[in-house]
């Protein structure tokens, strides 16, 4: 949270919490935790990751399509918007980490 700043970090935590609430209460199927050596497809879990990726890449139509696979239509737009916000935060953290590595190399 500190790496995002307190305000942005708190907002990101709330957004992710809201995503989880939508997914767990209204998701078409339950998401499950897989072990790292799990050989199953984990299709819904993969869709969830792709939802955030497509949202942050500003691929709105694809994001909406993925959201519709995961939740009923009434929750799709809010899920996409929250995914965008969380994706931006994740992207920010990744960029900060890359910059730290580059700074250490120079």
PDB file of N, CA and C in Angstrom:
ATOM      1  N   UNK A   1       0.818  -1.174   0.000  1.00  0.00           N
ATOM      2  CA  UNK A   1       0.000   0.000   0.000  1.00  0.00           C
ATOM      3  C   UNK A   1       0.873   1.251   0.000  1.00  0.00           C
ATOM      4  N   UNK A   2       1.971   1.251   0.739  1.00  0.00           N
ATOM      5  CA  UNK A   2       2.838   2.416   0.803  1.00  0.00           C
ATOM      6  C   UNK A   2       3.420   2.727  -0.566  1.00  0.00           C
ATOM      7  N   UNK A   3       3.737   1.705  -1.340  1.00  0.00           N
ATOM      8  CA  UNK A   3       4.300   1.918  -2.675  1.00  0.00           C
ATOM      9  C   UNK A   3       3.331   2.626  -3.611  1.00  0.00           C
ATOM     10  N   UNK A   4       2.069   2.599  -3.299  1.00  0.00           N
ATOM     11  CA  UNK A   4       1.067   3.276  -4.120  1.00  0.00           C
ATOM     12  C   UNK A   4       0.697   4.644  -3.559  1.00  0.00           C
ATOM     13  N   UNK A   5       1.150   4.971  -2.389  1.00  0.00           N
ATOM     14  CA  UNK A   5       0.776   6.121  -1.564  1.00  0.00           C
ATOM     15  C   UNK A   5      -0.458   5.713  -0.771  1.00  0.00           C
ATOM     16  N   UNK A   6      -0.617   6.305   0.372  1.00  0.00           N
ATOM     17  CA  UNK A   6      -1.708   5.869   1.250  1.00  0.00           C
ATOM     18  C   UNK A   6      -3.084   6.036   0.626  1.00  0.00           C
ATOM     19  N   UNK A   7      -3.360   7.181   0.048  1.00  0.00           N
ATOM     20  CA  UNK A   7      -4.681   7.413  -0.542  1.00  0.00           C
ATOM     21  C   UNK A   7      -4.969   6.476  -1.694  1.00  0.00           C
ATOM     22  N   UNK A   8      -4.040   6.400  -2.627  1.00  0.00           N
ATOM     23  CA  UNK A   8      -4.207   5.538  -3.797  1.00  0.00           C
ATOM     24  C   UNK A   8      -4.202   4.069  -3.381  1.00  0.00           C
ATOM     25  N   UNK A   9      -3.373   3.745  -2.398  1.00  0.00           N
ATOM     26  CA  UNK A   9      -3.314   2.366  -1.898  1.00  0.00           C
ATOM     27  C   UNK A   9      -4.622   1.935  -1.265  1.00  0.00           C
ATOM     28  N   UNK A  10      -5.184   2.812  -0.424  1.00  0.00           N
ATOM     29  CA  UNK A  10      -6.474   2.507   0.207  1.00  0.00           C
ATOM     30  C   UNK A  10      -7.570   2.349  -0.836  1.00  0.00           C
ATOM     31  N   UNK A  11      -7.561   3.223  -1.825  1.00  0.00           N
ATOM     32  CA  UNK A  11      -8.560   3.153  -2.900  1.00  0.00           C
ATOM     33  C   UNK A  11      -8.412   1.848  -3.682  1.00  0.00           C
ATOM     34  N   UNK A  12      -7.176   1.454  -3.952  1.00  0.00           N
ATOM     35  CA  UNK A  12      -6.920   0.211  -4.689  1.00  0.00           C
ATOM     36  C   UNK A  12      -7.391  -0.997  -3.896  1.00  0.00           C
ATOM     37  N   UNK A  13      -7.114  -1.001  -2.602  1.00  0.00           N
ATOM     38  CA  UNK A  13      -7.574  -2.105  -1.756  1.00  0.00           C
ATOM     39  C   UNK A  13      -9.093  -2.176  -1.764  1.00  0.00           C
ATOM     40  N   UNK A  14      -9.760  -1.035  -1.675  1.00  0.00           N
ATOM     41  CA  UNK A  14     -11.221  -1.017  -1.701  1.00  0.00           C
ATOM     42  C   UNK A  14     -11.754  -1.498  -3.047  1.00  0.00           C
ATOM     43  N   UNK A  15     -11.127  -1.042  -4.136  1.00  0.00           N
ATOM     44  CA  UNK A  15     -11.549  -1.482  -5.469  1.00  0.00           C
ATOM     45  C   UNK A  15     -11.398  -2.989  -5.633  1.00  0.00           C
ATOM     46  N   UNK A  16     -10.273  -3.531  -5.165  1.00  0.00           N
ATOM     47  CA  UNK A  16     -10.060  -4.972  -5.277  1.00  0.00           C
ATOM     48  C   UNK A  16     -11.069  -5.717  -4.398  1.00  0.00           C
ATOM     49  N   UNK A  17     -11.347  -5.168  -3.231  1.00  0.00           N
ATOM     50  CA  UNK A  17     -12.358  -5.764  -2.358  1.00  0.00           C
ATOM     51  C   UNK A  17     -13.721  -5.775  -3.041  1.00  0.00           C
ATOM     52  N   UNK A  18     -14.049  -4.680  -3.731  1.00  0.00           N
ATOM     53  CA  UNK A  18     -15.321  -4.608  -4.457  1.00  0.00           C
ATOM     54  C   UNK A  18     -15.371  -5.632  -5.594  1.00  0.00           C
ATOM     55  N   UNK A  19     -14.258  -5.800  -6.296  1.00  0.00           N
ATOM     56  CA  UNK A  19     -14.183  -6.830  -7.349  1.00  0.00           C
ATOM     57  C   UNK A  19     -14.465  -8.199  -6.748  1.00  0.00           C
ATOM     58  N   UNK A  20     -13.788  -8.489  -5.648  1.00  0.00           N
ATOM     59  CA  UNK A  20     -13.962  -9.803  -5.012  1.00  0.00           C
ATOM     60  C   UNK A  20     -15.398 -10.007  -4.551  1.00  0.00           C
ATOM     61  N   UNK A  21     -16.004  -8.958  -4.012  1.00  0.00           N
ATOM     62  CA  UNK A  21     -17.390  -9.071  -3.570  1.00  0.00           C
ATOM     63  C   UNK A  21     -18.317  -9.398  -4.740  1.00  0.00           C
ATOM     64  N   UNK A  22     -18.143  -8.703  -5.848  1.00  0.00           N
ATOM     65  CA  UNK A  22     -18.956  -8.985  -7.036  1.00  0.00           C
ATOM     66  C   UNK A  22     -18.724 -10.420  -7.511  1.00  0.00           C
ATOM     67  N   UNK A  23     -17.455 -10.801  -7.595  1.00  0.00           N
ATOM     68  CA  UNK A  23     -17.134 -12.137  -8.107  1.00  0.00           C
ATOM     69  C   UNK A  23     -17.666 -13.244  -7.190  1.00  0.00           C
ATOM     70  N   UNK A  24     -17.521 -13.064  -5.879  1.00  0.00           N
ATOM     71  CA  UNK A  24     -17.928 -14.123  -4.963  1.00  0.00           C
ATOM     72  C   UNK A  24     -19.436 -14.168  -4.745  1.00  0.00           C
ATOM     73  N   UNK A  25     -20.093 -13.024  -4.775  1.00  0.00           N
ATOM     74  CA  UNK A  25     -21.548 -13.007  -4.564  1.00  0.00           C
ATOM     75  C   UNK A  25     -22.325 -13.314  -5.839  1.00  0.00           C
ATOM     76  N   UNK A  26     -21.835 -12.811  -6.979  1.00  0.00           N
ATOM     77  CA  UNK A  26     -22.642 -12.861  -8.201  1.00  0.00           C
ATOM     78  C   UNK A  26     -21.970 -13.605  -9.358  1.00  0.00           C
ATOM     79  N   UNK A  27     -20.763 -14.105  -9.130  1.00  0.00           N
ATOM     80  CA  UNK A  27     -20.065 -14.811 -10.193  1.00  0.00           C
ATOM     81  C   UNK A  27     -20.829 -16.033 -10.668  1.00  0.00           C
ATOM     82  N   UNK A  28     -20.701 -16.318 -11.939  1.00  0.00           N
ATOM     83  CA  UNK A  28     -21.404 -17.478 -12.515  1.00  0.00           C
ATOM     84  C   UNK A  28     -20.889 -18.787 -11.922  1.00  0.00           C
ATOM     85  N   UNK A  29     -19.605 -18.818 -11.606  1.00  0.00           N
ATOM     86  CA  UNK A  29     -18.983 -19.973 -10.967  1.00  0.00           C
ATOM     87  C   UNK A  29     -18.012 -19.443  -9.911  1.00  0.00           C
ATOM     88  N   UNK A  30     -17.676 -20.275  -8.953  1.00  0.00           N
ATOM     89  CA  UNK A  30     -16.747 -19.865  -7.897  1.00  0.00           C
ATOM     90  C   UNK A  30     -15.309 -19.920  -8.403  1.00  0.00           C
ATOM     91  N   UNK A  31     -14.555 -18.871  -8.073  1.00  0.00           N
ATOM     92  CA  UNK A  31     -13.115 -18.920  -8.330  1.00  0.00           C
ATOM     93  C   UNK A  31     -12.482 -19.724  -7.214  1.00  0.00           C
ATOM     94  N   UNK A  32     -11.446 -20.478  -7.548  1.00  0.00           N
ATOM     95  CA  UNK A  32     -10.768 -21.280  -6.532  1.00  0.00           C
ATOM     96  C   UNK A  32      -9.274 -21.006  -6.576  1.00  0.00           C
ATOM     97  N   UNK A  33      -8.631 -21.285  -5.481  1.00  0.00           N
ATOM     98  CA  UNK A  33      -7.187 -21.115  -5.393  1.00  0.00           C
ATOM     99  C   UNK A  33      -6.533 -22.397  -5.888  1.00  0.00           C
ATOM    100  N   UNK A  34      -5.610 -22.249  -6.820  1.00  0.00           N
ATOM    101  CA  UNK A  34      -4.886 -23.398  -7.365  1.00  0.00           C
ATOM    102  C   UNK A  34      -3.479 -23.426  -6.810  1.00  0.00           C
ATOM    103  N   UNK A  35      -2.955 -24.595  -6.625  1.00  0.00           N
ATOM    104  CA  UNK A  35      -1.553 -24.735  -6.237  1.00  0.00           C
ATOM    105  C   UNK A  35      -0.682 -24.433  -7.449  1.00  0.00           C
ATOM    106  N   UNK A  36       0.564 -24.069  -7.236  1.00  0.00           N
ATOM    107  CA  UNK A  36       1.440 -23.719  -8.353  1.00  0.00           C
ATOM    108  C   UNK A  36       1.697 -24.902  -9.276  1.00  0.00           C
ATOM    109  N   UNK A  37       1.585 -26.096  -8.778  1.00  0.00           N
ATOM    110  CA  UNK A  37       1.820 -27.279  -9.620  1.00  0.00           C
ATOM    111  C   UNK A  37       0.524 -27.889 -10.152  1.00  0.00           C
ATOM    112  N   UNK A  38      -0.576 -27.178 -10.021  1.00  0.00           N
ATOM    113  CA  UNK A  38      -1.879 -27.652 -10.487  1.00  0.00           C
ATOM    114  C   UNK A  38      -1.872 -27.756 -12.015  1.00  0.00           C
ATOM    115  N   UNK A  39      -2.401 -28.848 -12.539  1.00  0.00           N
ATOM    116  CA  UNK A  39      -2.412 -29.058 -13.986  1.00  0.00           C
ATOM    117  C   UNK A  39      -3.768 -28.782 -14.631  1.00  0.00           C
ATOM    118  N   UNK A  40      -4.763 -28.331 -13.837  1.00  0.00           N
ATOM    119  CA  UNK A  40      -6.065 -28.050 -14.436  1.00  0.00           C
ATOM    120  C   UNK A  40      -6.007 -26.730 -15.214  1.00  0.00           C
ATOM    121  N   UNK A  41      -7.011 -26.495 -16.015  1.00  0.00           N
ATOM    122  CA  UNK A  41      -7.035 -25.322 -16.881  1.00  0.00           C
ATOM    123  C   UNK A  41      -7.228 -24.037 -16.087  1.00  0.00           C
ATOM    124  N   UNK A  42      -8.097 -24.034 -15.093  1.00  0.00           N
ATOM    125  CA  UNK A  42      -8.369 -22.824 -14.326  1.00  0.00           C
ATOM    126  C   UNK A  42      -8.913 -21.722 -15.216  1.00  0.00           C
ATOM    127  N   UNK A  43      -9.895 -22.060 -16.047  1.00  0.00           N
ATOM    128  CA  UNK A  43     -10.386 -21.131 -17.066  1.00  0.00           C
ATOM    129  C   UNK A  43     -10.945 -19.839 -16.476  1.00  0.00           C
ATOM    130  N   UNK A  44     -11.780 -19.929 -15.461  1.00  0.00           N
ATOM    131  CA  UNK A  44     -12.353 -18.714 -14.877  1.00  0.00           C
ATOM    132  C   UNK A  44     -11.283 -17.864 -14.205  1.00  0.00           C
ATOM    133  N   UNK A  45     -10.334 -18.498 -13.565  1.00  0.00           N
ATOM    134  CA  UNK A  45      -9.250 -17.759 -12.926  1.00  0.00           C
ATOM    135  C   UNK A  45      -8.390 -17.054 -13.973  1.00  0.00           C
ATOM    136  N   UNK A  46      -8.184 -17.715 -15.090  1.00  0.00           N
ATOM    137  CA  UNK A  46      -7.456 -17.095 -16.194  1.00  0.00           C
ATOM    138  C   UNK A  46      -8.251 -15.933 -16.784  1.00  0.00           C
ATOM    139  N   UNK A  47      -9.560 -16.111 -16.928  1.00  0.00           N
ATOM    140  CA  UNK A  47     -10.421 -15.022 -17.418  1.00  0.00           C
ATOM    141  C   UNK A  47     -10.358 -13.828 -16.486  1.00  0.00           C
ATOM    142  N   UNK A  48     -10.328 -14.064 -15.194  1.00  0.00           N
ATOM    143  CA  UNK A  48     -10.252 -12.987 -14.214  1.00  0.00           C
ATOM    144  C   UNK A  48      -8.962 -12.188 -14.410  1.00  0.00           C
ATOM    145  N   UNK A  49      -7.845 -12.886 -14.579  1.00  0.00           N
ATOM    146  CA  UNK A  49      -6.570 -12.203 -14.825  1.00  0.00           C
ATOM    147  C   UNK A  49      -6.609 -11.442 -16.149  1.00  0.00           C
ATOM    148  N   UNK A  50      -7.193 -12.047 -17.174  1.00  0.00           N
ATOM    149  CA  UNK A  50      -7.293 -11.386 -18.474  1.00  0.00           C
ATOM    150  C   UNK A  50      -8.218 -10.177 -18.420  1.00  0.00           C
ATOM    151  N   UNK A  51      -9.240 -10.240 -17.593  1.00  0.00           N
ATOM    152  CA  UNK A  51     -10.139  -9.096 -17.438  1.00  0.00           C
ATOM    153  C   UNK A  51      -9.362  -7.870 -16.983  1.00  0.00           C
ATOM    154  N   UNK A  52      -8.535  -8.037 -15.987  1.00  0.00           N
ATOM    155  CA  UNK A  52      -7.742  -6.912 -15.484  1.00  0.00           C
ATOM    156  C   UNK A  52      -6.736  -6.466 -16.539  1.00  0.00           C
ATOM    157  N   UNK A  53      -6.098  -7.407 -17.211  1.00  0.00           N
ATOM    158  CA  UNK A  53      -5.118  -7.076 -18.246  1.00  0.00           C
ATOM    159  C   UNK A  53      -5.765  -6.324 -19.398  1.00  0.00           C
ATOM    160  N   UNK A  54      -6.865  -6.828 -19.902  1.00  0.00           N
ATOM    161  CA  UNK A  54      -7.548  -6.174 -21.036  1.00  0.00           C
ATOM    162  C   UNK A  54      -8.080  -4.796 -20.629  1.00  0.00           C
ATOM    163  N   UNK A  55      -8.558  -4.664 -19.396  1.00  0.00           N
ATOM    164  CA  UNK A  55      -9.072  -3.369 -18.945  1.00  0.00           C
ATOM    165  C   UNK A  55      -7.955  -2.331 -18.911  1.00  0.00           C
ATOM    166  N   UNK A  56      -6.809  -2.692 -18.360  1.00  0.00           N
ATOM    167  CA  UNK A  56      -5.718  -1.724 -18.248  1.00  0.00           C
ATOM    168  C   UNK A  56      -5.100  -1.419 -19.611  1.00  0.00           C
ATOM    169  N   UNK A  57      -5.247  -2.318 -20.553  1.00  0.00           N
ATOM    170  CA  UNK A  57      -4.775  -2.072 -21.924  1.00  0.00           C
ATOM    171  C   UNK A  57      -5.824  -1.318 -22.740  1.00  0.00           C
ATOM    172  N   UNK A  58      -6.884  -0.887 -22.069  1.00  0.00           N
ATOM    173  CA  UNK A  58      -7.965  -0.114 -22.676  1.00  0.00           C
ATOM    174  C   UNK A  58      -8.651  -0.836 -23.835  1.00  0.00           C
ATOM    175  N   UNK A  59      -8.802  -2.128 -23.682  1.00  0.00           N
ATOM    176  CA  UNK A  59      -9.526  -2.942 -24.647  1.00  0.00           C
ATOM    177  C   UNK A  59     -10.931  -3.175 -24.072  1.00  0.00           C
ATOM    178  N   UNK A  60     -11.758  -2.128 -24.149  1.00  0.00           N
ATOM    179  CA  UNK A  60     -13.056  -2.123 -23.468  1.00  0.00           C
ATOM    180  C   UNK A  60     -13.999  -3.214 -23.950  1.00  0.00           C
ATOM    181  N   UNK A  61     -14.048  -3.461 -25.256  1.00  0.00           N
ATOM    182  CA  UNK A  61     -14.960  -4.487 -25.768  1.00  0.00           C
ATOM    183  C   UNK A  61     -14.553  -5.868 -25.270  1.00  0.00           C
ATOM    184  N   UNK A  62     -13.266  -6.156 -25.317  1.00  0.00           N
ATOM    185  CA  UNK A  62     -12.791  -7.449 -24.818  1.00  0.00           C
ATOM    186  C   UNK A  62     -13.016  -7.561 -23.315  1.00  0.00           C
ATOM    187  N   UNK A  63     -12.777  -6.473 -22.587  1.00  0.00           N
ATOM    188  CA  UNK A  63     -12.999  -6.470 -21.142  1.00  0.00           C
ATOM    189  C   UNK A  63     -14.457  -6.780 -20.824  1.00  0.00           C
ATOM    190  N   UNK A  64     -15.349  -6.146 -21.548  1.00  0.00           N
ATOM    191  CA  UNK A  64     -16.773  -6.363 -21.314  1.00  0.00           C
ATOM    192  C   UNK A  64     -17.174  -7.796 -21.648  1.00  0.00           C
ATOM    193  N   UNK A  65     -16.646  -8.323 -22.733  1.00  0.00           N
ATOM    194  CA  UNK A  65     -16.941  -9.711 -23.110  1.00  0.00           C
ATOM    195  C   UNK A  65     -16.480 -10.676 -22.022  1.00  0.00           C
ATOM    196  N   UNK A  66     -15.287 -10.463 -21.513  1.00  0.00           N
ATOM    197  CA  UNK A  66     -14.764 -11.335 -20.450  1.00  0.00           C
ATOM    198  C   UNK A  66     -15.617 -11.188 -19.195  1.00  0.00           C
ATOM    199  N   UNK A  67     -15.965  -9.957 -18.841  1.00  0.00           N
ATOM    200  CA  UNK A  67     -16.794  -9.736 -17.659  1.00  0.00           C
ATOM    201  C   UNK A  67     -18.126 -10.467 -17.779  1.00  0.00           C
ATOM    202  N   UNK A  68     -18.701 -10.454 -18.985  1.00  0.00           N
ATOM    203  CA  UNK A  68     -19.977 -11.141 -19.193  1.00  0.00           C
ATOM    204  C   UNK A  68     -19.854 -12.655 -19.048  1.00  0.00           C
ATOM    205  N   UNK A  69     -18.659 -13.185 -19.255  1.00  0.00           N
ATOM    206  CA  UNK A  69     -18.441 -14.613 -19.021  1.00  0.00           C
ATOM    207  C   UNK A  69     -18.422 -14.934 -17.529  1.00  0.00           C
ATOM    208  N   UNK A  70     -18.027 -13.940 -16.734  1.00  0.00           N
ATOM    209  CA  UNK A  70     -17.832 -14.169 -15.305  1.00  0.00           C
ATOM    210  C   UNK A  70     -19.042 -13.820 -14.442  1.00  0.00           C
ATOM    211  N   UNK A  71     -19.781 -12.774 -14.822  1.00  0.00           N
ATOM    212  CA  UNK A  71     -20.888 -12.298 -13.983  1.00  0.00           C
ATOM    213  C   UNK A  71     -22.100 -11.984 -14.847  1.00  0.00           C
ATOM    214  N   UNK A  72     -23.283 -11.873 -14.244  1.00  0.00           N
ATOM    215  CA  UNK A  72     -24.472 -11.452 -14.992  1.00  0.00           C
ATOM    216  C   UNK A  72     -24.285 -10.039 -15.571  1.00  0.00           C
ATOM    217  N   UNK A  73     -25.008  -9.717 -16.637  1.00  0.00           N
ATOM    218  CA  UNK A  73     -24.825  -8.427 -17.330  1.00  0.00           C
ATOM    219  C   UNK A  73     -24.903  -7.187 -16.451  1.00  0.00           C
ATOM    220  N   UNK A  74     -25.746  -7.191 -15.450  1.00  0.00           N
ATOM    221  CA  UNK A  74     -25.903  -6.006 -14.603  1.00  0.00           C
ATOM    222  C   UNK A  74     -24.611  -5.656 -13.855  1.00  0.00           C
ATOM    223  N   UNK A  75     -23.731  -6.623 -13.650  1.00  0.00           N
ATOM    224  CA  UNK A  75     -22.491  -6.395 -12.909  1.00  0.00           C
ATOM    225  C   UNK A  75     -21.276  -6.234 -13.816  1.00  0.00           C
ATOM    226  N   UNK A  76     -21.446  -6.423 -15.111  1.00  0.00           N
ATOM    227  CA  UNK A  76     -20.300  -6.415 -16.029  1.00  0.00           C
ATOM    228  C   UNK A  76     -19.613  -5.055 -16.103  1.00  0.00           C
ATOM    229  N   UNK A  77     -20.356  -3.984 -16.315  1.00  0.00           N
ATOM    230  CA  UNK A  77     -19.738  -2.654 -16.440  1.00  0.00           C
ATOM    231  C   UNK A  77     -19.027  -2.226 -15.155  1.00  0.00           C
ATOM    232  N   UNK A  78     -19.651  -2.386 -13.975  1.00  0.00           N
ATOM    233  CA  UNK A  78     -18.921  -2.036 -12.756  1.00  0.00           C
ATOM    234  C   UNK A  78     -17.664  -2.884 -12.562  1.00  0.00           C
ATOM    235  N   UNK A  79     -17.738  -4.152 -12.936  1.00  0.00           N
ATOM    236  CA  UNK A  79     -16.573  -5.029 -12.805  1.00  0.00           C
ATOM    237  C   UNK A  79     -15.441  -4.574 -13.721  1.00  0.00           C
ATOM    238  N   UNK A  80     -15.776  -4.167 -14.938  1.00  0.00           N
ATOM    239  CA  UNK A  80     -14.759  -3.674 -15.868  1.00  0.00           C
ATOM    240  C   UNK A  80     -14.124  -2.392 -15.329  1.00  0.00           C
ATOM    241  N   UNK A  81     -14.923  -1.487 -14.824  1.00  0.00           N
ATOM    242  CA  UNK A  81     -14.393  -0.220 -14.287  1.00  0.00           C
ATOM    243  C   UNK A  81     -13.470  -0.463 -13.093  1.00  0.00           C
ATOM    244  N   UNK A  82     -13.892  -1.317 -12.188  1.00  0.00           N
ATOM    245  CA  UNK A  82     -13.042  -1.650 -11.041  1.00  0.00           C
ATOM    246  C   UNK A  82     -11.763  -2.349 -11.489  1.00  0.00           C
ATOM    247  N   UNK A  83     -11.878  -3.206 -12.492  1.00  0.00           N
ATOM    248  CA  UNK A  83     -10.697  -3.918 -13.017  1.00  0.00           C
ATOM    249  C   UNK A  83      -9.700  -2.942 -13.626  1.00  0.00           C
ATOM    250  N   UNK A  84     -10.205  -1.919 -14.279  1.00  0.00           N
ATOM    251  CA  UNK A  84      -9.336  -0.882 -14.837  1.00  0.00           C
ATOM    252  C   UNK A  84      -8.573  -0.186 -13.721  1.00  0.00           C
ATOM    253  N   UNK A  85      -9.262   0.206 -12.669  1.00  0.00           N
ATOM    254  CA  UNK A  85      -8.618   0.910 -11.559  1.00  0.00           C
ATOM    255  C   UNK A  85      -7.554   0.035 -10.884  1.00  0.00           C
ATOM    256  N   UNK A  86      -7.883  -1.226 -10.642  1.00  0.00           N
ATOM    257  CA  UNK A  86      -6.922  -2.141 -10.026  1.00  0.00           C
ATOM    258  C   UNK A  86      -5.756  -2.398 -10.977  1.00  0.00           C
ATOM    259  N   UNK A  87      -6.054  -2.556 -12.254  1.00  0.00           N
ATOM    260  CA  UNK A  87      -5.000  -2.776 -13.249  1.00  0.00           C
ATOM    261  C   UNK A  87      -4.029  -1.612 -13.330  1.00  0.00           C
ATOM    262  N   UNK A  88      -4.545  -0.397 -13.242  1.00  0.00           N
ATOM    263  CA  UNK A  88      -3.684   0.791 -13.252  1.00  0.00           C
ATOM    264  C   UNK A  88      -2.748   0.765 -12.051  1.00  0.00           C
ATOM    265  N   UNK A  89      -3.262   0.376 -10.897  1.00  0.00           N
ATOM    266  CA  UNK A  89      -2.429   0.295  -9.699  1.00  0.00           C
ATOM    267  C   UNK A  89      -1.346  -0.769  -9.847  1.00  0.00           C
ATOM    268  N   UNK A  90      -1.714  -1.918 -10.378  1.00  0.00           N
ATOM    269  CA  UNK A  90      -0.734  -2.989 -10.589  1.00  0.00           C
ATOM    270  C   UNK A  90       0.332  -2.532 -11.577  1.00  0.00           C
ATOM    271  N   UNK A  91      -0.102  -1.911 -12.651  1.00  0.00           N
ATOM    272  CA  UNK A  91       0.837  -1.408 -13.656  1.00  0.00           C
ATOM    273  C   UNK A  91       1.790  -0.380 -13.041  1.00  0.00           C
ATOM    274  N   UNK A  92       1.275   0.465 -12.184  1.00  0.00           N
ATOM    275  CA  UNK A  92       2.099   1.455 -11.497  1.00  0.00           C
ATOM    276  C   UNK A  92       3.166   0.783 -10.643  1.00  0.00           C
ATOM    277  N   UNK A  93       2.780  -0.254  -9.919  1.00  0.00           N
ATOM    278  CA  UNK A  93       3.749  -0.983  -9.091  1.00  0.00           C
ATOM    279  C   UNK A  93       4.821  -1.657  -9.940  1.00  0.00           C
ATOM    280  N   UNK A  94       4.412  -2.249 -11.048  1.00  0.00           N
ATOM    281  CA  UNK A  94       5.362  -2.909 -11.944  1.00  0.00           C
ATOM    282  C   UNK A  94       6.345  -1.892 -12.510  1.00  0.00           C
ATOM    283  N   UNK A  95       5.836  -0.740 -12.926  1.00  0.00           N
ATOM    284  CA  UNK A  95       6.708   0.304 -13.472  1.00  0.00           C
ATOM    285  C   UNK A  95       7.687   0.817 -12.427  1.00  0.00           C
ATOM    286  N   UNK A  96       7.235   0.964 -11.187  1.00  0.00           N
ATOM    287  CA  UNK A  96       8.128   1.403 -10.108  1.00  0.00           C
ATOM    288  C   UNK A  96       9.226   0.373  -9.870  1.00  0.00           C
ATOM    289  N   UNK A  97       8.840  -0.890  -9.888  1.00  0.00           N
ATOM    290  CA  UNK A  97       9.828  -1.961  -9.677  1.00  0.00           C
ATOM    291  C   UNK A  97      10.847  -1.977 -10.810  1.00  0.00           C
ATOM    292  N   UNK A  98      10.394  -1.815 -12.047  1.00  0.00           N
ATOM    293  CA  UNK A  98      11.318  -1.766 -13.189  1.00  0.00           C
ATOM    294  C   UNK A  98      12.294  -0.617 -13.032  1.00  0.00           C
ATOM    295  N   UNK A  99      11.781   0.537 -12.606  1.00  0.00           N
ATOM    296  CA  UNK A  99      12.635   1.705 -12.437  1.00  0.00           C
ATOM    297  C   UNK A  99      13.666   1.473 -11.336  1.00  0.00           C
ATOM    298  N   UNK A 100      13.269   0.830 -10.256  1.00  0.00           N
ATOM    299  CA  UNK A 100      14.221   0.519  -9.193  1.00  0.00           C
ATOM    300  C   UNK A 100      15.337  -0.386  -9.680  1.00  0.00           C
ATOM    301  N   UNK A 101      14.974  -1.381 -10.480  1.00  0.00           N
ATOM    302  CA  UNK A 101      15.987  -2.292 -11.035  1.00  0.00           C
ATOM    303  C   UNK A 101      16.931  -1.529 -11.966  1.00  0.00           C
ATOM    304  N   UNK A 102      16.377  -0.689 -12.824  1.00  0.00           N
ATOM    305  CA  UNK A 102      17.210   0.101 -13.746  1.00  0.00           C
ATOM    306  C   UNK A 102      18.128   1.041 -12.966  1.00  0.00           C
ATOM    307  N   UNK A 103      17.622   1.653 -11.914  1.00  0.00           N
ATOM    308  CA  UNK A 103      18.435   2.549 -11.107  1.00  0.00           C
ATOM    309  C   UNK A 103      19.606   1.809 -10.462  1.00  0.00           C
ATOM    310  N   UNK A 104      19.356   0.574 -10.013  1.00  0.00           N
ATOM    311  CA  UNK A 104      20.421  -0.223  -9.405  1.00  0.00           C
ATOM    312  C   UNK A 104      21.472  -0.642 -10.424  1.00  0.00           C
ATOM    313  N   UNK A 105      21.036  -0.866 -11.657  1.00  0.00           N
ATOM    314  CA  UNK A 105      21.982  -1.275 -12.708  1.00  0.00           C
ATOM    315  C   UNK A 105      22.857  -0.123 -13.169  1.00  0.00           C
ATOM    316  N   UNK A 106      22.392   1.081 -13.021  1.00  0.00           N
ATOM    317  CA  UNK A 106      23.149   2.265 -13.491  1.00  0.00           C
ATOM    318  C   UNK A 106      23.969   2.840 -12.427  1.00  0.00           C
TER     319      UNK A 106
END
